[in-house]
Amino acid sequence: EIEHLPIADQTANVIISNCVINLSPDKAQVFRETFRVLKPGGRLAICDVVATTELPPELRNDPALIAGCMGNASLIEDLEAMLAAAGFIDIAIAPKDESRDFIRDWAPGTPVTDYVVSATLEARRPG
């Protein structure tokens, strides 16, 4: 369970993730938990789908889009706020506009690419 990692406090140097955090209904708790297990100066390196604008309810609540890491995407500014609230510094979220090409294939017939892109999220626990 990503919200409660079975790892002792301040033991990890780096935490990486590829399209997993979007599956959590409590992303703020995920970031608090990753902060907890990182050593001082430890880094977070994530690739996930982010929302560039608010998703309409029919996309946000679509079970297939949620399972596909799109429906549960958080806005970039919300992710930045969650990371900062957890204690992270040097927060950088870099959307990859070219990702719309392959995301389109994940949900044919939906306008999901009007709302989401893949992005890298990086942050650091203060040293």
C-alpha atoms as a PDB file:
ATOM      1  CA  GLU A   1       0.000   0.000   0.000  1.00  0.00           C
ATOM      2  CA  ILE A   2       1.739   3.110  -1.247  1.00  0.00           C
ATOM      3  CA  GLU A   3       0.196   5.324   1.467  1.00  0.00           C
ATOM      4  CA  HIS A   4       1.934   3.250   4.190  1.00  0.00           C
ATOM      5  CA  LEU A   5       5.351   2.026   3.053  1.00  0.00           C
ATOM      6  CA  PRO A   6       6.836  -0.858   5.056  1.00  0.00           C
ATOM      7  CA  ILE A   7      10.171   0.963   5.351  1.00  0.00           C
ATOM      8  CA  ALA A   8      11.811   2.569   8.387  1.00  0.00           C
ATOM      9  CA  ASP A   9      12.119   6.346   8.682  1.00  0.00           C
ATOM     10  CA  GLN A  10      14.940   8.021   6.766  1.00  0.00           C
ATOM     11  CA  THR A  11      16.332   4.889   5.087  1.00  0.00           C
ATOM     12  CA  ALA A  12      16.036   5.567   1.343  1.00  0.00           C
ATOM     13  CA  ASN A  13      18.313   7.730  -0.781  1.00  0.00           C
ATOM     14  CA  VAL A  14      15.982   7.849  -3.789  1.00  0.00           C
ATOM     15  CA  ILE A  15      12.367   6.924  -4.410  1.00  0.00           C
ATOM     16  CA  ILE A  16      11.310   6.288  -7.987  1.00  0.00           C
ATOM     17  CA  SER A  17       7.867   5.628  -9.381  1.00  0.00           C
ATOM     18  CA  ASN A  18       6.381   5.169 -12.825  1.00  0.00           C
ATOM     19  CA  CYS A  19       2.633   5.842 -13.130  1.00  0.00           C
ATOM     20  CA  VAL A  20       1.666   4.504  -9.713  1.00  0.00           C
ATOM     21  CA  ILE A  21       0.823   7.535  -7.589  1.00  0.00           C
ATOM     22  CA  ASN A  22      -2.213   8.347  -9.745  1.00  0.00           C
ATOM     23  CA  LEU A  23      -3.758   5.107  -8.554  1.00  0.00           C
ATOM     24  CA  SER A  24      -3.844   6.410  -4.976  1.00  0.00           C
ATOM     25  CA  PRO A  25      -6.935   8.266  -3.775  1.00  0.00           C
ATOM     26  CA  ASP A  26      -4.750  10.086  -1.184  1.00  0.00           C
ATOM     27  CA  LYS A  27      -1.741  11.497  -3.008  1.00  0.00           C
ATOM     28  CA  ALA A  28      -0.933  13.918  -0.175  1.00  0.00           C
ATOM     29  CA  GLN A  29      -0.443  10.914   2.137  1.00  0.00           C
ATOM     30  CA  VAL A  30       1.778   9.255  -0.482  1.00  0.00           C
ATOM     31  CA  PHE A  31       4.040  12.318  -0.509  1.00  0.00           C
ATOM     32  CA  ARG A  32       4.110  12.513   3.303  1.00  0.00           C
ATOM     33  CA  GLU A  33       5.070   8.844   3.385  1.00  0.00           C
ATOM     34  CA  THR A  34       7.821   9.217   0.787  1.00  0.00           C
ATOM     35  CA  PHE A  35       9.184  12.190   2.735  1.00  0.00           C
ATOM     36  CA  ARG A  36       9.205  10.058   5.894  1.00  0.00           C
ATOM     37  CA  VAL A  37      11.293   7.259   4.390  1.00  0.00           C
ATOM     38  CA  LEU A  38      13.795   9.487   2.573  1.00  0.00           C
ATOM     39  CA  LYS A  39      17.109  10.305   4.220  1.00  0.00           C
ATOM     40  CA  PRO A  40      17.958  14.002   4.560  1.00  0.00           C
ATOM     41  CA  GLY A  41      18.984  15.126   1.084  1.00  0.00           C
ATOM     42  CA  GLY A  42      17.103  12.169  -0.443  1.00  0.00           C
ATOM     43  CA  ARG A  43      15.402  12.576  -3.805  1.00  0.00           C
ATOM     44  CA  LEU A  44      12.034  11.762  -5.300  1.00  0.00           C
ATOM     45  CA  ALA A  45      11.932  10.973  -9.044  1.00  0.00           C
ATOM     46  CA  ILE A  46       8.508  10.184 -10.471  1.00  0.00           C
ATOM     47  CA  CYS A  47       6.959   9.852 -13.899  1.00  0.00           C
ATOM     48  CA  ASP A  48       3.174  10.043 -13.838  1.00  0.00           C
ATOM     49  CA  VAL A  49       0.177  11.510 -15.611  1.00  0.00           C
ATOM     50  CA  VAL A  50      -0.788  15.014 -14.494  1.00  0.00           C
ATOM     51  CA  ALA A  51      -3.753  17.240 -15.266  1.00  0.00           C
ATOM     52  CA  THR A  52      -3.042  20.476 -17.078  1.00  0.00           C
ATOM     53  CA  THR A  53      -6.608  21.634 -16.489  1.00  0.00           C
ATOM     54  CA  GLU A  54      -9.479  20.322 -14.372  1.00  0.00           C
ATOM     55  CA  LEU A  55     -10.962  17.105 -15.750  1.00  0.00           C
ATOM     56  CA  PRO A  56     -14.733  17.090 -16.238  1.00  0.00           C
ATOM     57  CA  PRO A  57     -16.583  14.717 -13.863  1.00  0.00           C
ATOM     58  CA  GLU A  58     -17.379  12.198 -16.606  1.00  0.00           C
ATOM     59  CA  LEU A  59     -13.641  11.694 -17.239  1.00  0.00           C
ATOM     60  CA  ARG A  60     -12.523  12.013 -13.601  1.00  0.00           C
ATOM     61  CA  ASN A  61     -15.025   9.357 -12.479  1.00  0.00           C
ATOM     62  CA  ASP A  62     -14.615   6.931 -15.398  1.00  0.00           C
ATOM     63  CA  PRO A  63     -13.358   3.627 -13.898  1.00  0.00           C
ATOM     64  CA  ALA A  64     -11.396   2.738 -17.053  1.00  0.00           C
ATOM     65  CA  LEU A  65      -9.626   6.110 -17.056  1.00  0.00           C
ATOM     66  CA  ILE A  66      -8.880   5.837 -13.338  1.00  0.00           C
ATOM     67  CA  ALA A  67      -7.402   2.354 -13.832  1.00  0.00           C
ATOM     68  CA  GLY A  68      -5.413   3.762 -16.753  1.00  0.00           C
ATOM     69  CA  CYS A  69      -3.835   6.467 -14.534  1.00  0.00           C
ATOM     70  CA  MET A  70      -5.685   9.280 -16.294  1.00  0.00           C
ATOM     71  CA  GLY A  71      -8.980   9.831 -14.494  1.00  0.00           C
ATOM     72  CA  ASN A  72      -7.376  10.376 -11.123  1.00  0.00           C
ATOM     73  CA  ALA A  73      -4.740  12.824 -12.403  1.00  0.00           C
ATOM     74  CA  SER A  74      -4.085  15.828 -10.168  1.00  0.00           C
ATOM     75  CA  LEU A  75      -3.493  19.359 -11.348  1.00  0.00           C
ATOM     76  CA  ILE A  76       0.168  20.367 -11.510  1.00  0.00           C
ATOM     77  CA  GLU A  77      -0.310  23.180  -9.002  1.00  0.00           C
ATOM     78  CA  ASP A  78      -2.057  20.793  -6.595  1.00  0.00           C
ATOM     79  CA  LEU A  79       0.847  18.347  -6.834  1.00  0.00           C
ATOM     80  CA  GLU A  80       3.327  21.147  -6.173  1.00  0.00           C
ATOM     81  CA  ALA A  81       1.316  22.172  -3.108  1.00  0.00           C
ATOM     82  CA  MET A  82       1.134  18.577  -1.810  1.00  0.00           C
ATOM     83  CA  LEU A  83       4.886  18.109  -2.223  1.00  0.00           C
ATOM     84  CA  ALA A  84       5.641  21.398  -0.471  1.00  0.00           C
ATOM     85  CA  ALA A  85       3.192  20.594   2.352  1.00  0.00           C
ATOM     86  CA  ALA A  86       4.971  17.263   2.861  1.00  0.00           C
ATOM     87  CA  GLY A  87       8.242  19.180   3.333  1.00  0.00           C
ATOM     88  CA  PHE A  88       9.930  18.747  -0.053  1.00  0.00           C
ATOM     89  CA  ILE A  89      12.095  21.432  -1.636  1.00  0.00           C
ATOM     90  CA  ASP A  90      13.523  21.898  -5.144  1.00  0.00           C
ATOM     91  CA  ILE A  91      10.180  20.786  -6.580  1.00  0.00           C
ATOM     92  CA  ALA A  92      10.140  20.524 -10.372  1.00  0.00           C
ATOM     93  CA  ILE A  93       7.254  19.206 -12.458  1.00  0.00           C
ATOM     94  CA  ALA A  94       8.002  18.998 -16.172  1.00  0.00           C
ATOM     95  CA  PRO A  95       5.010  18.179 -18.405  1.00  0.00           C
ATOM     96  CA  LYS A  96       5.804  16.321 -21.621  1.00  0.00           C
ATOM     97  CA  ASP A  97       3.400  17.680 -24.250  1.00  0.00           C
ATOM     98  CA  GLU A  98       4.556  15.056 -26.754  1.00  0.00           C
ATOM     99  CA  SER A  99       3.083  12.402 -24.443  1.00  0.00           C
ATOM    100  CA  ARG A 100      -0.393  13.282 -25.733  1.00  0.00           C
ATOM    101  CA  ASP A 101       0.402  11.140 -28.792  1.00  0.00           C
ATOM    102  CA  PHE A 102       0.662   7.903 -26.805  1.00  0.00           C
ATOM    103  CA  ILE A 103      -1.921   8.845 -24.151  1.00  0.00           C
ATOM    104  CA  ARG A 104      -4.447   9.195 -26.978  1.00  0.00           C
ATOM    105  CA  ASP A 105      -3.961   5.466 -27.639  1.00  0.00           C
ATOM    106  CA  TRP A 106      -4.746   4.627 -23.996  1.00  0.00           C
ATOM    107  CA  ALA A 107      -8.277   6.034 -24.220  1.00  0.00           C
ATOM    108  CA  PRO A 108      -9.459   6.089 -27.832  1.00  0.00           C
ATOM    109  CA  GLY A 109     -12.629   8.043 -28.441  1.00  0.00           C
ATOM    110  CA  THR A 110     -12.246  10.241 -25.366  1.00  0.00           C
ATOM    111  CA  PRO A 111     -10.961  13.815 -25.175  1.00  0.00           C
ATOM    112  CA  VAL A 112      -8.638  12.925 -22.254  1.00  0.00           C
ATOM    113  CA  THR A 113      -5.592  14.401 -24.017  1.00  0.00           C
ATOM    114  CA  ASP A 114      -7.239  17.815 -23.726  1.00  0.00           C
ATOM    115  CA  TYR A 115      -6.687  17.502 -19.965  1.00  0.00           C
ATOM    116  CA  VAL A 116      -3.683  15.302 -19.148  1.00  0.00           C
ATOM    117  CA  VAL A 117      -0.044  14.743 -20.092  1.00  0.00           C
ATOM    118  CA  SER A 118       2.799  12.678 -18.753  1.00  0.00           C
ATOM    119  CA  ALA A 119       5.273  14.558 -16.576  1.00  0.00           C
ATOM    120  CA  THR A 120       8.375  14.056 -14.503  1.00  0.00           C
ATOM    121  CA  LEU A 121       8.132  15.113 -10.874  1.00  0.00           C
ATOM    122  CA  GLU A 122      11.296  15.705  -8.913  1.00  0.00           C
ATOM    123  CA  ALA A 123      11.810  16.932  -5.372  1.00  0.00           C
ATOM    124  CA  ARG A 124      14.282  16.680  -2.541  1.00  0.00           C
ATOM    125  CA  ARG A 125      14.084  16.262   1.200  1.00  0.00           C
ATOM    126  CA  PRO A 126      16.121  19.049   2.819  1.00  0.00           C
ATOM    127  CA  GLY A 127      19.594  17.933   3.954  1.00  0.00           C
END
